[in-house]
Amino acid sequence: MSLEKRNRILVIRWIIYIVFTLCWMVVIYTFSAKNSTESQAESNGVGMFIGKTVISDFEEWSAEEQQEFAEKWDYPIRKAAHMTEYAVLGFLLVGALIYKRKKYKLNAIVSLLVAALYAVSDEIHQYFVPGRSCRIIDIGIDSLGAILSISLHLFIVLIIKHKEIKST
């Protein structure tokens, strides 16, 4: 493959990562803009889905028992959602930054900082949404999701680079 063609592919890849990153930031913002009633209804729906999927006789339970089950799952579902949102964001951020530099450790740090700062801005945004709050623990959970995905992305890149070096 010619150097010009390879550079063109890298630019296209970088643009795709940037577009997906910005779109994902909008998705996170949209989730955070939902008031507490809407947000809790979504979590409750996931709790009900878990009950229907995992418990064979869940449909035979009373509505109160089903609701109680869903409410028990509310907190873990919300925290898993936070972590997942920012895992995706971290993965996209590091993918966008790798094109610009070959310094993978620096890319990881910058990606984590951007994700953490976005988490801070997201929590501040939630403070102004009716029924929502600004929680420092959520910033930590968001950052943990970003750390995990950034690490995964860099691990994948290093495996690919290792295979390229080995084959030459």
C-alpha atoms as a PDB file:
ATOM      1  CA  MET A   1       0.000   0.000   0.000  1.00  0.00           C
ATOM      2  CA  SER A   2       1.380   3.395  -0.942  1.00  0.00           C
ATOM      3  CA  LEU A   3       2.115   5.971   1.738  1.00  0.00           C
ATOM      4  CA  GLU A   4      -0.407   8.357   0.194  1.00  0.00           C
ATOM      5  CA  LYS A   5      -3.180   5.755   0.288  1.00  0.00           C
ATOM      6  CA  ARG A   6      -2.292   4.798   3.877  1.00  0.00           C
ATOM      7  CA  ASN A   7      -2.417   8.455   4.938  1.00  0.00           C
ATOM      8  CA  ARG A   8      -5.805   8.883   3.257  1.00  0.00           C
ATOM      9  CA  ILE A   9      -7.142   5.858   5.151  1.00  0.00           C
ATOM     10  CA  LEU A  10      -5.768   7.264   8.432  1.00  0.00           C
ATOM     11  CA  VAL A  11      -7.469  10.615   7.810  1.00  0.00           C
ATOM     12  CA  ILE A  12     -10.790   8.916   7.048  1.00  0.00           C
ATOM     13  CA  ARG A  13     -10.430   6.764  10.188  1.00  0.00           C
ATOM     14  CA  TRP A  14      -9.638   9.857  12.269  1.00  0.00           C
ATOM     15  CA  ILE A  15     -12.673  11.741  10.891  1.00  0.00           C
ATOM     16  CA  ILE A  16     -14.921   8.763  11.667  1.00  0.00           C
ATOM     17  CA  TYR A  17     -13.617   8.621  15.248  1.00  0.00           C
ATOM     18  CA  ILE A  18     -14.127  12.380  15.689  1.00  0.00           C
ATOM     19  CA  VAL A  19     -17.688  12.250  14.333  1.00  0.00           C
ATOM     20  CA  PHE A  20     -18.600   9.218  16.466  1.00  0.00           C
ATOM     21  CA  THR A  21     -17.018  10.858  19.537  1.00  0.00           C
ATOM     22  CA  LEU A  22     -19.055  14.030  19.095  1.00  0.00           C
ATOM     23  CA  CYS A  23     -22.236  12.038  18.438  1.00  0.00           C
ATOM     24  CA  TRP A  24     -21.619   9.952  21.563  1.00  0.00           C
ATOM     25  CA  MET A  25     -21.153  13.121  23.617  1.00  0.00           C
ATOM     26  CA  VAL A  26     -24.575  14.239  22.385  1.00  0.00           C
ATOM     27  CA  VAL A  27     -26.019  10.850  23.425  1.00  0.00           C
ATOM     28  CA  ILE A  28     -24.575  11.253  26.930  1.00  0.00           C
ATOM     29  CA  TYR A  29     -25.901  14.809  27.137  1.00  0.00           C
ATOM     30  CA  THR A  30     -29.345  13.617  26.032  1.00  0.00           C
ATOM     31  CA  PHE A  31     -29.455  10.907  28.710  1.00  0.00           C
ATOM     32  CA  SER A  32     -28.412  13.470  31.325  1.00  0.00           C
ATOM     33  CA  ALA A  33     -31.080  15.925  30.198  1.00  0.00           C
ATOM     34  CA  LYS A  34     -33.873  13.506  31.156  1.00  0.00           C
ATOM     35  CA  ASN A  35     -35.602  14.424  34.383  1.00  0.00           C
ATOM     36  CA  SER A  36     -35.651  11.986  37.288  1.00  0.00           C
ATOM     37  CA  THR A  37     -39.039  10.512  36.315  1.00  0.00           C
ATOM     38  CA  GLU A  38     -37.906   9.684  32.765  1.00  0.00           C
ATOM     39  CA  SER A  39     -34.534   8.398  33.913  1.00  0.00           C
ATOM     40  CA  GLN A  40     -36.038   6.201  36.622  1.00  0.00           C
ATOM     41  CA  ALA A  41     -38.613   4.813  34.169  1.00  0.00           C
ATOM     42  CA  GLU A  42     -35.768   3.715  31.858  1.00  0.00           C
ATOM     43  CA  SER A  43     -33.881   2.075  34.739  1.00  0.00           C
ATOM     44  CA  ASN A  44     -37.092   0.448  35.897  1.00  0.00           C
ATOM     45  CA  GLY A  45     -37.671  -0.915  32.399  1.00  0.00           C
ATOM     46  CA  VAL A  46     -34.215  -2.480  32.402  1.00  0.00           C
ATOM     47  CA  GLY A  47     -34.903  -3.993  35.848  1.00  0.00           C
ATOM     48  CA  MET A  48     -38.142  -5.489  34.551  1.00  0.00           C
ATOM     49  CA  PHE A  49     -36.334  -6.869  31.499  1.00  0.00           C
ATOM     50  CA  ILE A  50     -33.717  -8.486  33.753  1.00  0.00           C
ATOM     51  CA  GLY A  51     -36.480 -10.040  35.850  1.00  0.00           C
ATOM     52  CA  LYS A  52     -38.298 -11.414  32.787  1.00  0.00           C
ATOM     53  CA  THR A  53     -35.055 -12.744  31.318  1.00  0.00           C
ATOM     54  CA  VAL A  54     -33.469 -14.286  34.397  1.00  0.00           C
ATOM     55  CA  ILE A  55     -36.416 -15.440  36.519  1.00  0.00           C
ATOM     56  CA  SER A  56     -38.567 -18.093  34.885  1.00  0.00           C
ATOM     57  CA  ASP A  57     -41.743 -17.334  36.853  1.00  0.00           C
ATOM     58  CA  PHE A  58     -41.312 -13.545  36.977  1.00  0.00           C
ATOM     59  CA  GLU A  59     -44.531 -13.013  35.000  1.00  0.00           C
ATOM     60  CA  GLU A  60     -46.441 -14.862  37.732  1.00  0.00           C
ATOM     61  CA  TRP A  61     -45.219 -12.480  40.434  1.00  0.00           C
ATOM     62  CA  SER A  62     -47.548  -9.725  41.587  1.00  0.00           C
ATOM     63  CA  ALA A  63     -47.052  -6.267  40.111  1.00  0.00           C
ATOM     64  CA  GLU A  64     -45.752  -5.080  43.488  1.00  0.00           C
ATOM     65  CA  GLU A  65     -43.168  -7.890  43.651  1.00  0.00           C
ATOM     66  CA  GLN A  66     -42.033  -7.167  40.099  1.00  0.00           C
ATOM     67  CA  GLN A  67     -41.735  -3.460  40.881  1.00  0.00           C
ATOM     68  CA  GLU A  68     -39.786  -4.168  44.069  1.00  0.00           C
ATOM     69  CA  PHE A  69     -37.403  -6.386  42.103  1.00  0.00           C
ATOM     70  CA  ALA A  70     -36.910  -3.669  39.453  1.00  0.00           C
ATOM     71  CA  GLU A  71     -36.280  -1.040  42.131  1.00  0.00           C
ATOM     72  CA  LYS A  72     -33.575  -3.209  43.736  1.00  0.00           C
ATOM     73  CA  TRP A  73     -31.773  -3.172  40.398  1.00  0.00           C
ATOM     74  CA  ASP A  74     -32.115   0.598  39.914  1.00  0.00           C
ATOM     75  CA  TYR A  75     -28.803   1.631  41.508  1.00  0.00           C
ATOM     76  CA  PRO A  76     -26.586  -1.002  39.821  1.00  0.00           C
ATOM     77  CA  ILE A  77     -28.273  -0.334  36.472  1.00  0.00           C
ATOM     78  CA  ARG A  78     -27.645   3.402  36.730  1.00  0.00           C
ATOM     79  CA  LYS A  79     -24.007   2.936  37.718  1.00  0.00           C
ATOM     80  CA  ALA A  80     -23.449   0.367  34.957  1.00  0.00           C
ATOM     81  CA  ALA A  81     -24.987   2.848  32.498  1.00  0.00           C
ATOM     82  CA  HIS A  82     -22.586   5.566  33.679  1.00  0.00           C
ATOM     83  CA  MET A  83     -19.606   3.263  33.290  1.00  0.00           C
ATOM     84  CA  THR A  84     -20.725   2.034  29.868  1.00  0.00           C
ATOM     85  CA  GLU A  85     -21.397   5.520  28.513  1.00  0.00           C
ATOM     86  CA  TYR A  86     -17.909   6.631  29.416  1.00  0.00           C
ATOM     87  CA  ALA A  87     -16.276   3.379  28.356  1.00  0.00           C
ATOM     88  CA  VAL A  88     -17.585   4.074  24.860  1.00  0.00           C
ATOM     89  CA  LEU A  89     -16.478   7.711  25.083  1.00  0.00           C
ATOM     90  CA  GLY A  90     -12.977   6.771  26.256  1.00  0.00           C
ATOM     91  CA  PHE A  91     -12.592   4.211  23.463  1.00  0.00           C
ATOM     92  CA  LEU A  92     -13.647   6.768  20.854  1.00  0.00           C
ATOM     93  CA  LEU A  93     -11.448   9.525  22.287  1.00  0.00           C
ATOM     94  CA  VAL A  94      -8.282   7.455  22.310  1.00  0.00           C
ATOM     95  CA  GLY A  95      -9.091   6.238  18.793  1.00  0.00           C
ATOM     96  CA  ALA A  96      -9.343   9.837  17.611  1.00  0.00           C
ATOM     97  CA  LEU A  97      -6.123  10.901  19.322  1.00  0.00           C
ATOM     98  CA  ILE A  98      -3.938   8.024  18.172  1.00  0.00           C
ATOM     99  CA  TYR A  99      -4.015   9.428  14.633  1.00  0.00           C
ATOM    100  CA  LYS A 100      -2.516  12.708  15.788  1.00  0.00           C
ATOM    101  CA  ARG A 101       0.435  11.316  17.774  1.00  0.00           C
ATOM    102  CA  LYS A 102       2.274   8.080  18.194  1.00  0.00           C
ATOM    103  CA  LYS A 103       2.759   8.659  21.914  1.00  0.00           C
ATOM    104  CA  TYR A 104       0.278   6.119  23.214  1.00  0.00           C
ATOM    105  CA  LYS A 105       0.733   6.876  26.920  1.00  0.00           C
ATOM    106  CA  LEU A 106       0.161  10.575  26.306  1.00  0.00           C
ATOM    107  CA  ASN A 107      -2.903   9.760  24.185  1.00  0.00           C
ATOM    108  CA  ALA A 108      -4.274   7.642  27.010  1.00  0.00           C
ATOM    109  CA  ILE A 109      -3.759  10.423  29.552  1.00  0.00           C
ATOM    110  CA  VAL A 110      -5.286  13.097  27.308  1.00  0.00           C
ATOM    111  CA  SER A 111      -8.247  10.817  26.502  1.00  0.00           C
ATOM    112  CA  LEU A 112      -8.833  10.154  30.188  1.00  0.00           C
ATOM    113  CA  LEU A 113      -8.611  13.856  31.033  1.00  0.00           C
ATOM    114  CA  VAL A 114     -11.109  14.776  28.311  1.00  0.00           C
ATOM    115  CA  ALA A 115     -13.486  11.999  29.430  1.00  0.00           C
ATOM    116  CA  ALA A 116     -13.154  13.031  33.097  1.00  0.00           C
ATOM    117  CA  LEU A 117     -13.731  16.701  32.277  1.00  0.00           C
ATOM    118  CA  TYR A 118     -16.778  15.757  30.226  1.00  0.00           C
ATOM    119  CA  ALA A 119     -17.999  13.691  33.201  1.00  0.00           C
ATOM    120  CA  VAL A 120     -17.612  16.758  35.434  1.00  0.00           C
ATOM    121  CA  SER A 121     -19.541  18.917  32.952  1.00  0.00           C
ATOM    122  CA  ASP A 122     -22.179  16.177  32.666  1.00  0.00           C
ATOM    123  CA  GLU A 123     -22.699  16.067  36.430  1.00  0.00           C
ATOM    124  CA  ILE A 124     -22.931  19.871  36.583  1.00  0.00           C
ATOM    125  CA  HIS A 125     -25.491  19.697  33.781  1.00  0.00           C
ATOM    126  CA  GLN A 126     -27.507  17.106  35.743  1.00  0.00           C
ATOM    127  CA  TYR A 127     -27.572  19.430  38.750  1.00  0.00           C
ATOM    128  CA  PHE A 128     -29.865  21.739  36.771  1.00  0.00           C
ATOM    129  CA  VAL A 129     -32.178  18.958  35.540  1.00  0.00           C
ATOM    130  CA  PRO A 130     -35.325  18.531  37.686  1.00  0.00           C
ATOM    131  CA  GLY A 131     -34.941  15.668  40.149  1.00  0.00           C
ATOM    132  CA  ARG A 132     -31.338  14.911  39.132  1.00  0.00           C
ATOM    133  CA  SER A 133     -28.198  15.596  41.119  1.00  0.00           C
ATOM    134  CA  CYS A 134     -24.480  16.208  40.803  1.00  0.00           C
ATOM    135  CA  ARG A 135     -22.518  13.334  42.373  1.00  0.00           C
ATOM    136  CA  ILE A 136     -18.764  13.064  42.640  1.00  0.00           C
ATOM    137  CA  ILE A 137     -19.037   9.252  42.820  1.00  0.00           C
ATOM    138  CA  ASP A 138     -20.553   9.295  39.322  1.00  0.00           C
ATOM    139  CA  ILE A 139     -17.528  11.195  38.010  1.00  0.00           C
ATOM    140  CA  GLY A 140     -15.345   8.436  39.455  1.00  0.00           C
ATOM    141  CA  ILE A 141     -17.508   5.703  37.926  1.00  0.00           C
ATOM    142  CA  ASP A 142     -17.490   7.500  34.567  1.00  0.00           C
ATOM    143  CA  SER A 143     -13.711   7.847  34.724  1.00  0.00           C
ATOM    144  CA  LEU A 144     -13.311   4.176  35.613  1.00  0.00           C
ATOM    145  CA  GLY A 145     -15.322   3.229  32.515  1.00  0.00           C
ATOM    146  CA  ALA A 146     -13.069   5.467  30.405  1.00  0.00           C
ATOM    147  CA  ILE A 147      -9.909   3.975  31.961  1.00  0.00           C
ATOM    148  CA  LEU A 148     -11.046   0.431  31.199  1.00  0.00           C
ATOM    149  CA  SER A 149     -11.890   1.128  27.568  1.00  0.00           C
ATOM    150  CA  ILE A 150      -8.811   3.264  26.949  1.00  0.00           C
ATOM    151  CA  SER A 151      -6.687   0.423  28.306  1.00  0.00           C
ATOM    152  CA  LEU A 152      -8.507  -2.055  26.065  1.00  0.00           C
ATOM    153  CA  HIS A 153      -8.039   0.171  23.017  1.00  0.00           C
ATOM    154  CA  LEU A 154      -4.324   0.621  23.675  1.00  0.00           C
ATOM    155  CA  PHE A 155      -3.913  -3.109  24.271  1.00  0.00           C
ATOM    156  CA  ILE A 156      -5.515  -3.799  20.880  1.00  0.00           C
ATOM    157  CA  VAL A 157      -3.264  -1.208  19.200  1.00  0.00           C
ATOM    158  CA  LEU A 158      -0.156  -2.702  20.799  1.00  0.00           C
ATOM    159  CA  ILE A 159      -1.123  -6.206  19.645  1.00  0.00           C
ATOM    160  CA  ILE A 160      -1.600  -4.923  16.091  1.00  0.00           C
ATOM    161  CA  LYS A 161       1.702  -3.032  16.176  1.00  0.00           C
ATOM    162  CA  HIS A 162       3.485  -6.099  17.554  1.00  0.00           C
ATOM    163  CA  LYS A 163       2.091  -8.261  14.744  1.00  0.00           C
ATOM    164  CA  GLU A 164       3.157  -5.665  12.142  1.00  0.00           C
ATOM    165  CA  ILE A 165       6.703  -5.554  13.542  1.00  0.00           C
ATOM    166  CA  LYS A 166       6.856  -9.352  13.728  1.00  0.00           C
ATOM    167  CA  SER A 167       5.753  -9.750  10.104  1.00  0.00           C
ATOM    168  CA  THR A 168       8.409  -7.350   8.743  1.00  0.00           C
END
